[in-house]
């Protein structure tokens, strides 16, 4: 009798495979705005919040600071981000969108919407909403 594959039973493997699939899908659409999915998430988080410290941004995106910094460097080179010191603590670096960053985010939003539609066409809107809710709850549980 053949035993089931460890990978076919592994939650981590399944989630990572799905994440790579979804990332590839979204990046096909976001490429027109010259953004990766991680960069779009950074711009989106800052667009919603207005400004955030590196720690706040890393926490909101569930990313370690090193990975976040690597994703932010191209955005900084393209002057899509502004940085300054924190009002409460001048040692803290606070990030926000520059005018160009706001324009790039606005240009990317319709592309993101198309990616959302493509994803929902693939698995159905109800399943997409259920999956999103479950994954966000999982990400926020730790």
C-alpha atoms as a PDB file:
ATOM      1  CA  UNK A   1       0.000   0.000   0.000  1.00  0.00           C
ATOM      2  CA  UNK A   2       1.299   3.458  -0.958  1.00  0.00           C
ATOM      3  CA  UNK A   3       1.409   6.062   1.800  1.00  0.00           C
ATOM      4  CA  UNK A   4       0.239   9.627   1.020  1.00  0.00           C
ATOM      5  CA  UNK A   5       2.933  12.081   0.036  1.00  0.00           C
ATOM      6  CA  UNK A   6       4.136  14.305   2.838  1.00  0.00           C
ATOM      7  CA  UNK A   7       3.907  17.315   0.531  1.00  0.00           C
ATOM      8  CA  UNK A   8       0.314  16.582  -0.432  1.00  0.00           C
ATOM      9  CA  UNK A   9      -0.572  16.689   3.285  1.00  0.00           C
ATOM     10  CA  UNK A  10       1.559  19.736   4.142  1.00  0.00           C
ATOM     11  CA  UNK A  11      -0.390  22.930   4.845  1.00  0.00           C
ATOM     12  CA  UNK A  12       2.698  25.106   4.469  1.00  0.00           C
ATOM     13  CA  UNK A  13       3.495  23.636   1.044  1.00  0.00           C
ATOM     14  CA  UNK A  14      -0.080  24.157  -0.176  1.00  0.00           C
ATOM     15  CA  UNK A  15      -0.253  27.758   1.073  1.00  0.00           C
ATOM     16  CA  UNK A  16       3.157  28.637  -0.410  1.00  0.00           C
ATOM     17  CA  UNK A  17       2.230  27.079  -3.765  1.00  0.00           C
ATOM     18  CA  UNK A  18      -1.044  28.994  -3.805  1.00  0.00           C
ATOM     19  CA  UNK A  19       0.764  32.201  -2.798  1.00  0.00           C
ATOM     20  CA  UNK A  20       3.192  31.831  -5.703  1.00  0.00           C
ATOM     21  CA  UNK A  21       0.288  31.212  -8.091  1.00  0.00           C
ATOM     22  CA  UNK A  22      -1.655  34.252  -6.859  1.00  0.00           C
ATOM     23  CA  UNK A  23       1.468  36.443  -6.843  1.00  0.00           C
ATOM     24  CA  UNK A  24       2.199  35.497 -10.456  1.00  0.00           C
ATOM     25  CA  UNK A  25      -1.384  36.345 -11.448  1.00  0.00           C
ATOM     26  CA  UNK A  26      -1.372  39.767  -9.769  1.00  0.00           C
ATOM     27  CA  UNK A  27       2.091  40.649 -11.029  1.00  0.00           C
ATOM     28  CA  UNK A  28       0.994  40.001 -14.615  1.00  0.00           C
ATOM     29  CA  UNK A  29      -1.488  42.840 -14.189  1.00  0.00           C
ATOM     30  CA  UNK A  30       0.660  45.117 -11.997  1.00  0.00           C
ATOM     31  CA  UNK A  31       3.595  44.909 -14.432  1.00  0.00           C
ATOM     32  CA  UNK A  32       1.971  47.651 -16.504  1.00  0.00           C
ATOM     33  CA  UNK A  33       2.411  49.976 -13.492  1.00  0.00           C
ATOM     34  CA  UNK A  34       5.993  48.713 -13.022  1.00  0.00           C
ATOM     35  CA  UNK A  35       5.197  47.323  -9.569  1.00  0.00           C
ATOM     36  CA  UNK A  36       5.589  43.956  -7.916  1.00  0.00           C
ATOM     37  CA  UNK A  37       2.780  42.717  -5.700  1.00  0.00           C
ATOM     38  CA  UNK A  38       4.903  43.474  -2.607  1.00  0.00           C
ATOM     39  CA  UNK A  39       5.543  47.024  -3.801  1.00  0.00           C
ATOM     40  CA  UNK A  40       1.840  47.509  -4.538  1.00  0.00           C
ATOM     41  CA  UNK A  41       1.054  46.334  -0.989  1.00  0.00           C
ATOM     42  CA  UNK A  42       3.529  48.840   0.447  1.00  0.00           C
ATOM     43  CA  UNK A  43       2.077  51.713  -1.573  1.00  0.00           C
ATOM     44  CA  UNK A  44      -1.459  50.587  -0.713  1.00  0.00           C
ATOM     45  CA  UNK A  45      -0.753  50.375   3.014  1.00  0.00           C
ATOM     46  CA  UNK A  46       0.834  53.821   3.030  1.00  0.00           C
ATOM     47  CA  UNK A  47      -1.958  55.185   0.845  1.00  0.00           C
ATOM     48  CA  UNK A  48      -4.536  54.020   3.388  1.00  0.00           C
ATOM     49  CA  UNK A  49      -2.617  54.967   6.537  1.00  0.00           C
ATOM     50  CA  UNK A  50      -1.047  58.220   5.350  1.00  0.00           C
ATOM     51  CA  UNK A  51       2.241  57.536   7.109  1.00  0.00           C
ATOM     52  CA  UNK A  52       3.798  54.674   9.055  1.00  0.00           C
ATOM     53  CA  UNK A  53       7.034  53.821  10.793  1.00  0.00           C
ATOM     54  CA  UNK A  54       9.074  50.915   9.459  1.00  0.00           C
ATOM     55  CA  UNK A  55       7.879  48.784  12.400  1.00  0.00           C
ATOM     56  CA  UNK A  56       4.220  49.672  11.775  1.00  0.00           C
ATOM     57  CA  UNK A  57       4.539  48.958   8.059  1.00  0.00           C
ATOM     58  CA  UNK A  58       6.337  45.645   8.649  1.00  0.00           C
ATOM     59  CA  UNK A  59       3.654  44.623  11.140  1.00  0.00           C
ATOM     60  CA  UNK A  60       0.776  45.642   8.852  1.00  0.00           C
ATOM     61  CA  UNK A  61       2.258  43.689   5.943  1.00  0.00           C
ATOM     62  CA  UNK A  62       3.408  40.746   8.101  1.00  0.00           C
ATOM     63  CA  UNK A  63       6.923  41.117   6.668  1.00  0.00           C
ATOM     64  CA  UNK A  64      10.268  41.117   8.377  1.00  0.00           C
ATOM     65  CA  UNK A  65      12.085  44.433   8.188  1.00  0.00           C
ATOM     66  CA  UNK A  66      14.912  43.139   5.972  1.00  0.00           C
ATOM     67  CA  UNK A  67      12.494  41.882   3.330  1.00  0.00           C
ATOM     68  CA  UNK A  68      10.451  45.076   3.585  1.00  0.00           C
ATOM     69  CA  UNK A  69      13.547  47.228   3.184  1.00  0.00           C
ATOM     70  CA  UNK A  70      14.563  45.289   0.046  1.00  0.00           C
ATOM     71  CA  UNK A  71      11.095  45.830  -1.443  1.00  0.00           C
ATOM     72  CA  UNK A  72      11.161  49.535  -0.533  1.00  0.00           C
ATOM     73  CA  UNK A  73      14.539  50.369  -2.087  1.00  0.00           C
ATOM     74  CA  UNK A  74      13.289  50.522  -5.696  1.00  0.00           C
ATOM     75  CA  UNK A  75      10.314  52.608  -4.531  1.00  0.00           C
ATOM     76  CA  UNK A  76      12.691  55.021  -2.826  1.00  0.00           C
ATOM     77  CA  UNK A  77      14.966  55.177  -5.908  1.00  0.00           C
ATOM     78  CA  UNK A  78      11.943  56.101  -8.013  1.00  0.00           C
ATOM     79  CA  UNK A  79      10.933  58.762  -5.464  1.00  0.00           C
ATOM     80  CA  UNK A  80       7.614  57.077  -4.735  1.00  0.00           C
ATOM     81  CA  UNK A  81       8.151  57.314  -0.977  1.00  0.00           C
ATOM     82  CA  UNK A  82       8.948  60.160   1.389  1.00  0.00           C
ATOM     83  CA  UNK A  83      10.649  59.632   4.703  1.00  0.00           C
ATOM     84  CA  UNK A  84      10.976  61.848   7.724  1.00  0.00           C
ATOM     85  CA  UNK A  85      11.381  61.653  11.451  1.00  0.00           C
ATOM     86  CA  UNK A  86       8.595  60.803  13.840  1.00  0.00           C
ATOM     87  CA  UNK A  87       6.857  63.569  15.779  1.00  0.00           C
ATOM     88  CA  UNK A  88       6.790  61.557  19.003  1.00  0.00           C
ATOM     89  CA  UNK A  89      10.273  60.110  18.559  1.00  0.00           C
ATOM     90  CA  UNK A  90      12.692  61.876  16.205  1.00  0.00           C
ATOM     91  CA  UNK A  91      14.792  58.680  16.038  1.00  0.00           C
ATOM     92  CA  UNK A  92      11.959  56.882  14.223  1.00  0.00           C
ATOM     93  CA  UNK A  93      11.835  56.940  10.443  1.00  0.00           C
ATOM     94  CA  UNK A  94       8.318  57.580   9.129  1.00  0.00           C
ATOM     95  CA  UNK A  95       7.329  56.753   5.550  1.00  0.00           C
ATOM     96  CA  UNK A  96       4.551  58.162   3.380  1.00  0.00           C
ATOM     97  CA  UNK A  97       3.750  58.371  -0.310  1.00  0.00           C
ATOM     98  CA  UNK A  98       5.282  61.122  -2.392  1.00  0.00           C
ATOM     99  CA  UNK A  99       3.121  62.840  -5.017  1.00  0.00           C
ATOM    100  CA  UNK A 100       4.597  60.453  -7.603  1.00  0.00           C
ATOM    101  CA  UNK A 101       3.889  57.507  -5.285  1.00  0.00           C
ATOM    102  CA  UNK A 102       0.258  58.572  -5.044  1.00  0.00           C
ATOM    103  CA  UNK A 103       0.064  58.836  -8.850  1.00  0.00           C
ATOM    104  CA  UNK A 104       1.640  55.377  -9.282  1.00  0.00           C
ATOM    105  CA  UNK A 105      -0.770  53.848  -6.771  1.00  0.00           C
ATOM    106  CA  UNK A 106      -3.734  55.467  -8.523  1.00  0.00           C
ATOM    107  CA  UNK A 107      -2.481  54.112 -11.873  1.00  0.00           C
ATOM    108  CA  UNK A 108      -2.063  50.627 -10.369  1.00  0.00           C
ATOM    109  CA  UNK A 109      -5.496  50.413  -8.721  1.00  0.00           C
ATOM    110  CA  UNK A 110      -7.427  49.634 -11.944  1.00  0.00           C
ATOM    111  CA  UNK A 111      -4.811  46.974 -12.787  1.00  0.00           C
ATOM    112  CA  UNK A 112      -5.223  45.503  -9.314  1.00  0.00           C
ATOM    113  CA  UNK A 113      -8.999  45.462  -9.852  1.00  0.00           C
ATOM    114  CA  UNK A 114      -8.492  43.455 -13.045  1.00  0.00           C
ATOM    115  CA  UNK A 115      -6.295  41.001 -11.133  1.00  0.00           C
ATOM    116  CA  UNK A 116      -9.014  40.714  -8.471  1.00  0.00           C
ATOM    117  CA  UNK A 117     -11.582  39.972 -11.180  1.00  0.00           C
ATOM    118  CA  UNK A 118      -9.302  37.357 -12.785  1.00  0.00           C
ATOM    119  CA  UNK A 119      -8.722  35.657  -9.444  1.00  0.00           C
ATOM    120  CA  UNK A 120     -12.425  35.643  -8.626  1.00  0.00           C
ATOM    121  CA  UNK A 121     -13.219  34.285 -12.097  1.00  0.00           C
ATOM    122  CA  UNK A 122     -10.821  31.441 -11.339  1.00  0.00           C
ATOM    123  CA  UNK A 123     -12.248  30.381  -7.971  1.00  0.00           C
ATOM    124  CA  UNK A 124     -15.546  32.259  -7.700  1.00  0.00           C
ATOM    125  CA  UNK A 125     -16.356  35.428  -5.736  1.00  0.00           C
ATOM    126  CA  UNK A 126     -17.866  33.598  -2.756  1.00  0.00           C
ATOM    127  CA  UNK A 127     -14.844  31.281  -2.410  1.00  0.00           C
ATOM    128  CA  UNK A 128     -12.481  34.264  -2.848  1.00  0.00           C
ATOM    129  CA  UNK A 129     -14.223  36.122  -0.015  1.00  0.00           C
ATOM    130  CA  UNK A 130     -14.177  33.033   2.229  1.00  0.00           C
ATOM    131  CA  UNK A 131     -10.533  32.358   1.487  1.00  0.00           C
ATOM    132  CA  UNK A 132      -9.536  36.003   2.034  1.00  0.00           C
ATOM    133  CA  UNK A 133     -11.372  36.089   5.361  1.00  0.00           C
ATOM    134  CA  UNK A 134      -9.730  32.871   6.554  1.00  0.00           C
ATOM    135  CA  UNK A 135      -6.254  33.924   5.462  1.00  0.00           C
ATOM    136  CA  UNK A 136      -6.527  37.387   7.013  1.00  0.00           C
ATOM    137  CA  UNK A 137      -7.729  35.845  10.284  1.00  0.00           C
ATOM    138  CA  UNK A 138      -4.776  33.469  10.212  1.00  0.00           C
ATOM    139  CA  UNK A 139      -2.296  36.267   9.463  1.00  0.00           C
ATOM    140  CA  UNK A 140      -3.719  38.378  12.308  1.00  0.00           C
ATOM    141  CA  UNK A 141      -3.737  35.534  14.832  1.00  0.00           C
ATOM    142  CA  UNK A 142       0.014  35.507  15.388  1.00  0.00           C
END
